[in-house]
Protein backbone atom coordinates (compact mmCIF):
# COMPACT_ATOMS: atom_id res chain seq x y z
CA UNK A 1 6.10 78.82 -68.00
CA UNK A 2 9.57 79.92 -69.07
CA UNK A 3 8.23 80.83 -72.53
CA UNK A 4 5.61 83.01 -70.81
CA UNK A 5 8.42 84.81 -68.89
CA UNK A 6 7.23 83.51 -65.52
CA UNK A 7 10.20 83.05 -63.15
CA UNK A 8 10.09 79.56 -61.63
CA UNK A 9 12.19 78.08 -58.82
CA UNK A 10 12.00 74.30 -59.29
CA UNK A 11 12.92 72.07 -56.34
CA UNK A 12 12.97 68.26 -56.16
CA UNK A 13 12.00 66.18 -53.13
CA UNK A 14 14.30 65.69 -50.15
CA UNK A 15 17.42 63.60 -51.01
CA UNK A 16 16.54 63.22 -54.70
CA UNK A 17 18.28 61.91 -56.82
CA UNK A 18 20.46 60.20 -54.18
CA UNK A 19 17.42 58.18 -53.07
CA UNK A 20 17.30 56.45 -56.48
CA UNK A 21 21.00 55.61 -56.58
CA UNK A 22 22.75 58.75 -57.84
CA UNK A 23 25.03 59.06 -54.82
CA UNK A 24 27.31 61.68 -56.40
CA UNK A 25 24.46 63.99 -57.38
CA UNK A 26 25.22 67.70 -57.76
CA UNK A 27 23.16 70.41 -56.07
CA UNK A 28 21.16 71.03 -59.24
CA UNK A 29 20.28 69.54 -62.63
CA UNK A 30 19.45 71.35 -65.85
CA UNK A 31 16.72 69.91 -68.08
CA UNK A 32 16.31 72.06 -71.16
CA UNK A 33 15.85 75.64 -69.97
CA UNK A 34 14.87 74.62 -66.42
CA UNK A 35 17.23 74.19 -63.47
CA UNK A 36 16.04 71.86 -60.71
CA UNK A 37 17.55 72.44 -57.27
CA UNK A 38 18.07 69.32 -55.13
CA UNK A 39 17.51 69.30 -51.36
CA UNK A 40 20.70 67.47 -50.38
CA UNK A 41 22.98 67.39 -47.36
CA UNK A 42 20.38 66.53 -44.72
CA UNK A 43 19.48 63.21 -43.13
CA UNK A 44 16.37 61.70 -44.72
CA UNK A 45 14.15 60.32 -41.92
CA UNK A 46 12.50 56.96 -42.46
CA UNK A 47 9.13 57.96 -41.00
CA UNK A 48 6.97 59.96 -43.45
CA UNK A 49 5.89 62.69 -41.00
CA UNK A 50 9.45 63.30 -39.82
CA UNK A 51 10.62 63.37 -43.44
CA UNK A 52 7.84 65.84 -44.24
CA UNK A 53 9.07 68.24 -41.53
CA UNK A 54 12.72 68.06 -42.62
CA UNK A 55 11.66 68.67 -46.21
CA UNK A 56 9.48 71.59 -45.13
CA UNK A 57 12.36 73.33 -43.31
CA UNK A 58 14.60 72.84 -46.37
CA UNK A 59 11.91 74.23 -48.64
CA UNK A 60 11.42 77.19 -46.34
CA UNK A 61 15.10 78.10 -46.60
CA UNK A 62 14.90 77.92 -50.39
CA UNK A 63 11.64 79.91 -50.56
CA UNK A 64 12.95 82.70 -48.33
CA UNK A 65 16.25 82.86 -50.21
CA UNK A 66 14.45 83.09 -53.57
CA UNK A 67 11.70 85.57 -52.53
CA UNK A 68 8.96 83.38 -53.99
CA UNK A 69 5.36 84.63 -54.07
CA UNK A 70 3.54 81.29 -54.36
CA UNK A 71 4.12 77.61 -53.52
CA UNK A 72 3.11 74.96 -56.09
CA UNK A 73 3.42 71.28 -55.15
CA UNK A 74 2.35 67.96 -56.63
CA UNK A 75 1.14 64.66 -55.25
CA UNK A 76 1.67 62.52 -53.23
CA UNK A 77 0.47 64.00 -49.97
CA UNK A 78 3.79 64.03 -48.09
CA UNK A 79 5.25 66.41 -50.70
CA UNK A 80 2.08 68.47 -50.65
CA UNK A 81 2.03 68.59 -46.84
CA UNK A 82 5.59 69.92 -46.54
CA UNK A 83 4.82 72.59 -49.14
CA UNK A 84 1.54 73.48 -47.43
CA UNK A 85 3.45 73.97 -44.16
CA UNK A 86 5.86 76.37 -45.85
CA UNK A 87 3.00 78.33 -47.40
CA UNK A 88 1.38 78.65 -43.96
CA UNK A 89 4.65 79.66 -42.26
CA UNK A 90 5.37 82.33 -44.88
CA UNK A 91 1.79 83.41 -45.55
CA UNK A 92 1.96 82.48 -49.24
CA UNK A 93 -0.73 81.08 -51.57
CA UNK A 94 -0.57 77.30 -52.00
CA UNK A 95 -1.44 75.49 -55.25
CA UNK A 96 -1.81 71.71 -55.09
CA UNK A 97 -1.47 69.69 -58.29
CA UNK A 98 -3.08 66.25 -58.07
CA UNK A 99 -1.37 64.34 -60.88
CA UNK A 100 -2.04 60.90 -59.42
CA UNK A 101 -3.88 59.04 -56.69
CA UNK A 102 -1.39 57.27 -54.45
CA UNK A 103 -4.09 55.40 -52.54
CA UNK A 104 -5.79 54.01 -55.66
CA UNK A 105 -2.49 53.19 -57.35
CA UNK A 106 -1.67 51.10 -54.27
CA UNK A 107 -5.14 49.54 -54.35
CA UNK A 108 -4.64 48.47 -57.99
CA UNK A 109 -1.81 46.16 -56.86
CA UNK A 110 -4.08 44.27 -54.45
CA UNK A 111 -5.72 41.08 -55.79
CA UNK A 112 -9.24 41.91 -56.95
CA UNK A 113 -10.97 39.78 -54.33
CA UNK A 114 -9.18 41.60 -51.51
CA UNK A 115 -9.66 45.17 -52.70
CA UNK A 116 -12.83 45.84 -50.71
CA UNK A 117 -11.05 45.07 -47.46
CA UNK A 118 -7.93 46.95 -48.58
CA UNK A 119 -10.03 50.05 -49.31
CA UNK A 120 -11.11 49.98 -45.67
CA UNK A 121 -7.55 49.77 -44.36
CA UNK A 122 -6.11 52.59 -42.27
CA UNK A 123 -3.36 53.26 -44.84
CA UNK A 124 -5.83 53.69 -47.68
CA UNK A 125 -8.26 55.82 -45.68
CA UNK A 126 -5.56 58.04 -44.14
CA UNK A 127 -3.86 58.59 -47.53
CA UNK A 128 -7.19 59.50 -49.11
CA UNK A 129 -8.03 61.91 -46.29
CA UNK A 130 -4.58 63.50 -46.48
CA UNK A 131 -5.01 64.19 -50.21
CA UNK A 132 -8.50 65.54 -49.62
CA UNK A 133 -7.34 67.77 -46.74
CA UNK A 134 -4.61 69.28 -48.90
CA UNK A 135 -7.09 70.04 -51.68
CA UNK A 136 -9.32 71.78 -49.12
CA UNK A 137 -6.42 73.81 -47.71
CA UNK A 138 -5.04 74.79 -51.12
CA UNK A 139 -5.86 78.19 -52.56
CA UNK A 140 -6.37 76.45 -55.90
CA UNK A 141 -6.16 72.86 -57.14
CA UNK A 142 -4.90 71.50 -60.47
CA UNK A 143 -6.08 68.10 -61.79
CA UNK A 144 -5.48 66.14 -64.99
CA UNK A 145 -9.07 65.36 -65.96
CA UNK A 146 -12.70 66.42 -65.68
CA UNK A 147 -13.35 63.09 -63.98
CA UNK A 148 -10.90 64.02 -61.19
CA UNK A 149 -12.49 67.44 -60.87
CA UNK A 150 -15.98 65.99 -60.55
CA UNK A 151 -14.75 63.52 -57.93
CA UNK A 152 -13.31 66.33 -55.81
CA UNK A 153 -16.51 68.37 -56.15
CA UNK A 154 -18.52 65.37 -54.93
CA UNK A 155 -16.18 65.21 -51.93
CA UNK A 156 -16.95 68.82 -51.06
CA UNK A 157 -14.10 70.75 -52.70
CA UNK A 158 -15.17 74.11 -54.16
CA UNK A 159 -15.67 73.73 -57.91
CA UNK A 160 -14.41 77.19 -58.85
CA UNK A 161 -10.94 76.63 -57.39
CA UNK A 162 -10.28 73.43 -59.40
CA UNK A 163 -8.48 73.84 -62.73
CA UNK A 164 -8.18 71.03 -65.28
CA UNK A 165 -4.73 70.95 -66.89
CA UNK A 166 -4.43 67.80 -69.04
CA UNK A 167 -1.16 66.35 -70.25
CA UNK A 168 -0.15 67.92 -73.51
CA UNK A 169 2.16 68.17 -76.52
CA UNK A 170 4.27 70.85 -78.14
CA UNK A 171 2.54 70.91 -81.53
CA UNK A 172 0.59 68.65 -83.91
CA UNK A 173 3.53 67.42 -86.00
CA UNK A 174 1.62 65.33 -88.58
CA UNK A 175 4.86 63.62 -89.64
CA UNK A 176 7.39 61.26 -88.04
CA UNK A 177 10.98 62.08 -89.02
CA UNK A 178 12.49 59.07 -87.21
CA UNK A 179 9.93 56.42 -88.25
CA UNK A 180 11.96 54.57 -90.87
CA UNK A 181 15.35 54.82 -89.13
CA UNK A 182 13.85 53.61 -85.84
CA UNK A 183 12.18 50.67 -87.57
CA UNK A 184 15.46 49.72 -89.19
CA UNK A 185 17.18 49.91 -85.81
CA UNK A 186 14.60 47.50 -84.34
CA UNK A 187 14.67 45.18 -87.36
CA UNK A 188 11.10 46.01 -88.40
CA UNK A 189 10.19 46.06 -92.08
CA UNK A 190 8.41 49.05 -93.67
CA UNK A 191 5.21 47.06 -94.38
CA UNK A 192 4.90 45.55 -90.88
CA UNK A 193 2.02 46.80 -88.74
CA UNK A 194 3.45 47.78 -85.36
CA UNK A 195 1.08 48.30 -82.45
CA UNK A 196 1.92 48.81 -78.81
CA UNK A 197 2.70 51.45 -76.23
CA UNK A 198 5.25 53.61 -74.41
CA UNK A 199 4.49 53.31 -70.73
CA UNK A 200 5.42 52.27 -67.24
CA UNK A 201 4.93 48.51 -67.29
CA UNK A 202 2.59 47.98 -64.35
CA UNK A 203 -0.30 45.58 -64.02
CA UNK A 204 -3.15 48.08 -64.34
CA UNK A 205 -1.88 49.03 -67.82
CA UNK A 206 -3.29 45.70 -69.03
CA UNK A 207 -0.49 45.16 -71.54
CA UNK A 208 -0.89 41.39 -71.76
CA UNK A 209 -3.89 42.22 -74.00
CA UNK A 210 -1.43 43.37 -76.67
CA UNK A 211 0.20 39.93 -76.74
CA UNK A 212 -3.18 38.19 -76.79
CA UNK A 213 -4.19 40.21 -79.85
CA UNK A 214 -1.46 38.60 -81.94
CA UNK A 215 -3.39 35.31 -81.86
CA UNK A 216 -6.59 37.04 -82.99
CA UNK A 217 -5.15 38.96 -85.92
CA UNK A 218 -5.16 37.37 -89.42
CA UNK A 219 -2.36 34.78 -89.63
CA UNK A 220 -1.30 36.05 -93.05
CA UNK A 221 -0.81 39.57 -91.70
CA UNK A 222 2.54 40.98 -90.58
CA UNK A 223 1.98 42.29 -87.04
CA UNK A 224 4.47 43.08 -84.27
CA UNK A 225 3.92 44.25 -80.69
CA UNK A 226 6.27 46.97 -79.43
CA UNK A 227 6.32 47.71 -75.69
CA UNK A 228 8.65 50.52 -74.65
CA UNK A 229 9.38 50.99 -70.95
CA UNK A 230 10.12 49.17 -67.72
CA UNK A 231 8.23 48.25 -64.59
CA UNK A 232 7.35 45.50 -62.16
CA UNK A 233 4.99 43.75 -64.62
CA UNK A 234 7.47 43.48 -67.50
CA UNK A 235 8.83 40.08 -66.47
CA UNK A 236 5.32 38.60 -66.29
CA UNK A 237 4.37 39.89 -69.76
CA UNK A 238 7.62 38.63 -71.30
CA UNK A 239 6.98 35.21 -69.75
CA UNK A 240 3.38 35.21 -71.00
CA UNK A 241 4.54 35.97 -74.56
CA UNK A 242 7.05 33.10 -74.38
CA UNK A 243 4.46 30.63 -73.07
CA UNK A 244 2.10 31.60 -75.89
CA UNK A 245 4.85 31.07 -78.48
CA UNK A 246 4.62 34.71 -79.50
CA UNK A 247 7.86 36.15 -78.15
CA UNK A 248 9.41 36.43 -81.63
CA UNK A 249 6.62 38.81 -82.59
CA UNK A 250 7.08 40.99 -79.50
CA UNK A 251 9.72 43.65 -78.90
CA UNK A 252 10.39 44.71 -75.32
CA UNK A 253 12.89 47.57 -75.15
CA UNK A 254 13.04 47.94 -71.38
CA UNK A 255 13.93 51.32 -69.88
CA UNK A 256 15.20 53.83 -72.45
CA UNK A 257 16.10 57.52 -72.53
CA UNK A 258 13.10 59.84 -73.28
CA UNK A 259 14.62 60.82 -76.63
CA UNK A 260 14.94 57.15 -77.62
CA UNK A 261 11.41 56.47 -76.35
CA UNK A 262 10.11 59.18 -78.68
CA UNK A 263 11.94 57.62 -81.64
CA UNK A 264 10.39 54.23 -80.85
CA UNK A 265 6.98 55.87 -80.49
CA UNK A 266 7.30 57.00 -84.09
CA UNK A 267 7.58 53.34 -85.19
CA UNK A 268 3.99 52.64 -84.21
CA UNK A 269 1.06 52.37 -86.58
CA UNK A 270 -1.38 52.06 -83.68
CA UNK A 271 -0.87 53.26 -80.10
CA UNK A 272 -2.76 51.26 -77.45
CA UNK A 273 -3.80 52.08 -73.88
CA UNK A 274 -5.57 48.85 -72.82
CA UNK A 275 -5.86 49.73 -69.13
CA UNK A 276 -7.85 47.45 -66.84
CA UNK A 277 -10.92 48.75 -65.03
CA UNK A 278 -9.96 49.86 -61.52
CA UNK A 279 -10.21 52.95 -59.32
CA UNK A 280 -7.01 54.67 -60.50
CA UNK A 281 -7.56 54.03 -64.24
CA UNK A 282 -11.08 55.46 -64.03
CA UNK A 283 -9.68 58.72 -62.62
CA UNK A 284 -6.14 59.38 -63.90
CA UNK A 285 -5.16 60.01 -67.52
CA UNK A 286 -1.89 58.74 -69.06
CA UNK A 287 0.57 61.03 -70.86
CA UNK A 288 1.98 59.28 -73.92
CA UNK A 289 -1.28 59.03 -75.85
CA UNK A 290 -1.09 62.76 -76.59
CA UNK A 291 2.45 62.37 -77.94
CA UNK A 292 1.21 59.60 -80.26
CA UNK A 293 -1.68 61.78 -81.46
CA UNK A 294 0.76 64.60 -82.20
CA UNK A 295 2.41 62.29 -84.76
CA UNK A 296 -0.96 61.42 -86.27
CA UNK A 297 -0.99 57.91 -84.78
CA UNK A 298 -4.44 56.51 -83.87
CA UNK A 299 -4.84 55.92 -80.13
CA UNK A 300 -7.03 53.03 -78.97
CA UNK A 301 -8.08 53.16 -75.31
CA UNK A 302 -10.12 51.16 -72.83
CA UNK A 303 -13.59 52.65 -72.51
CA UNK A 304 -13.07 54.17 -69.06
CA UNK A 305 -14.14 57.65 -67.87
CA UNK A 306 -10.65 59.19 -67.69
CA UNK A 307 -9.52 57.62 -70.97
CA UNK A 308 -12.46 59.06 -72.90
CA UNK A 309 -10.80 62.42 -72.28
CA UNK A 310 -7.58 61.50 -74.12
CA UNK A 311 -9.15 60.95 -77.57
CA UNK A 312 -11.21 63.34 -79.74
CA UNK A 313 -14.95 63.04 -79.09
CA UNK A 314 -15.52 62.67 -82.85
CA UNK A 315 -13.37 59.52 -82.72
CA UNK A 316 -15.04 57.82 -79.76
CA UNK A 317 -14.97 54.52 -81.67
CA UNK A 318 -11.36 54.42 -80.45
CA UNK A 319 -12.79 53.69 -76.97
CA UNK A 320 -13.01 49.90 -76.73
CA UNK A 321 -14.43 47.48 -74.15
CA UNK A 322 -11.89 46.63 -71.47
CA UNK A 323 -10.16 43.31 -72.07
CA UNK A 324 -12.16 42.33 -75.18
CA UNK A 325 -9.37 40.87 -77.30
CA UNK A 326 -11.39 40.32 -80.49
CA UNK A 327 -12.70 43.87 -80.62
CA UNK A 328 -9.26 45.34 -80.02
CA UNK A 329 -7.76 43.11 -82.70
CA UNK A 330 -10.40 44.16 -85.23
CA UNK A 331 -9.59 47.83 -84.59
CA UNK A 332 -5.84 47.26 -84.91
CA UNK A 333 -6.52 45.52 -88.24
CA UNK A 334 -8.68 48.47 -89.36
CA UNK A 335 -5.89 50.94 -88.55
CA UNK A 336 -3.01 48.74 -89.72
CA UNK A 337 -2.02 51.45 -92.24
CA UNK A 338 -2.36 54.30 -89.75
CA UNK A 339 -4.94 56.98 -89.12
CA UNK A 340 -7.58 57.67 -91.80
CA UNK A 341 -7.21 60.85 -93.86
CA UNK A 342 -10.56 62.27 -92.74
CA UNK A 343 -9.60 61.95 -89.05
CA UNK A 344 -6.58 64.26 -89.02
CA UNK A 345 -8.60 67.46 -88.61
CA UNK A 346 -10.38 66.03 -85.56
CA UNK A 347 -6.97 65.24 -84.06
CA UNK A 348 -5.63 68.72 -84.85
CA UNK A 349 -8.66 70.40 -83.27
CA UNK A 350 -8.41 68.18 -80.19
CA UNK A 351 -4.71 68.93 -79.67
CA UNK A 352 -5.13 72.68 -80.17
CA UNK A 353 -6.28 73.02 -76.56
CA UNK A 354 -3.76 70.49 -75.30
CA UNK A 355 -0.44 72.14 -76.03
CA UNK A 356 1.96 72.74 -73.16
CA UNK A 357 1.65 76.47 -73.78
CA UNK A 358 -2.12 76.28 -73.38
CA UNK A 359 -1.60 74.25 -70.19
CA UNK A 360 0.81 76.88 -68.86
CA UNK A 361 -1.81 79.58 -69.45
CA UNK A 362 -4.34 77.57 -67.45
CA UNK A 363 -1.79 77.12 -64.66
CA UNK A 364 -1.36 80.90 -64.64
CA UNK A 365 -5.12 81.23 -64.19
CA UNK A 366 -4.86 78.88 -61.20
CA UNK A 367 -2.06 81.07 -59.81
CA UNK A 368 -4.09 84.25 -60.24
CA UNK A 369 -7.05 82.63 -58.51
CA UNK A 370 -4.84 81.47 -55.64
CA UNK A 371 -3.28 84.90 -55.15
CA UNK A 372 -6.65 86.69 -55.20
CA UNK A 373 -8.19 84.14 -52.85
CA UNK A 374 -5.30 84.51 -50.41
CA UNK A 375 -5.82 88.29 -50.35
CA UNK A 376 -9.45 87.75 -49.37
CA UNK A 377 -8.58 85.48 -46.43
């Protein structure tokens, strides 16, 4: 947006980043060319609705002081609700960006046998209705995937106000400047096949499949699993690798800085997104697969509706049956030396419409639609 000369006032949620442990946080943080203002100095209520109102009043002060012409908020619903209130109070267009599904993310943590009952719980139903109500109220809606868009249309949201803005990349780089130095840093030889992921380590990512693949790959091959990131499922996966006697062939970096994560990403010969089949993984697309593609790294994904959108249609053989260890291992073996020469043009064409600049232009279209729709109200 900055590159397109669109003035943006970026504001974080109430009490962030104090609420994640940065007690001495300043009133703003610069990330690249963007400055993020923090809503500090006010008591953060425990109850969500009370917190929503306090956040709304803080946002209103910021919006009035900055003479904004549009309010753009992202999920979950309590952030969207406070922003929607401000848009109503000030008579401004409201754009709601649905980057995740809080209710289905929660449902993915419930044991499979209990999910049907959990989906009928008041928390699940109220969260789902809150997200749906915000998408109805919004002047325009932004989603990550066509699957999400179709779901909203089926729930009665007007199709023409929904804009698909997938995760993206800067450019198709085709080369990896930090590949060799990062491998040396991790103690990985140049001929070793490294497969793995950069991700939040949560159960629905299905990352234990990566460890299982080691036992199915040829014993005379040199294969290593690299898992970059942290999360509440990391301990379980580490323990599983140890129990299987495979821990020496697995590298778990834990939480790392984004710049370091990108360097580790460049180590990979094959990037894997082995997500399990559940409500949230069928709807929401991950981000890091696009970054891997931008380096020319093949991206293997579970054959789920949302994940089919993160690989080129010409390379749909990268979509593999969920949890089928043997089939995943065969594909890792096939791509052990990286992407095939005749596949690079398909990747380049796919990424051409998935640059951040292209995404920003689509967001601008959503803004224009929201402004024009608000004038008609």
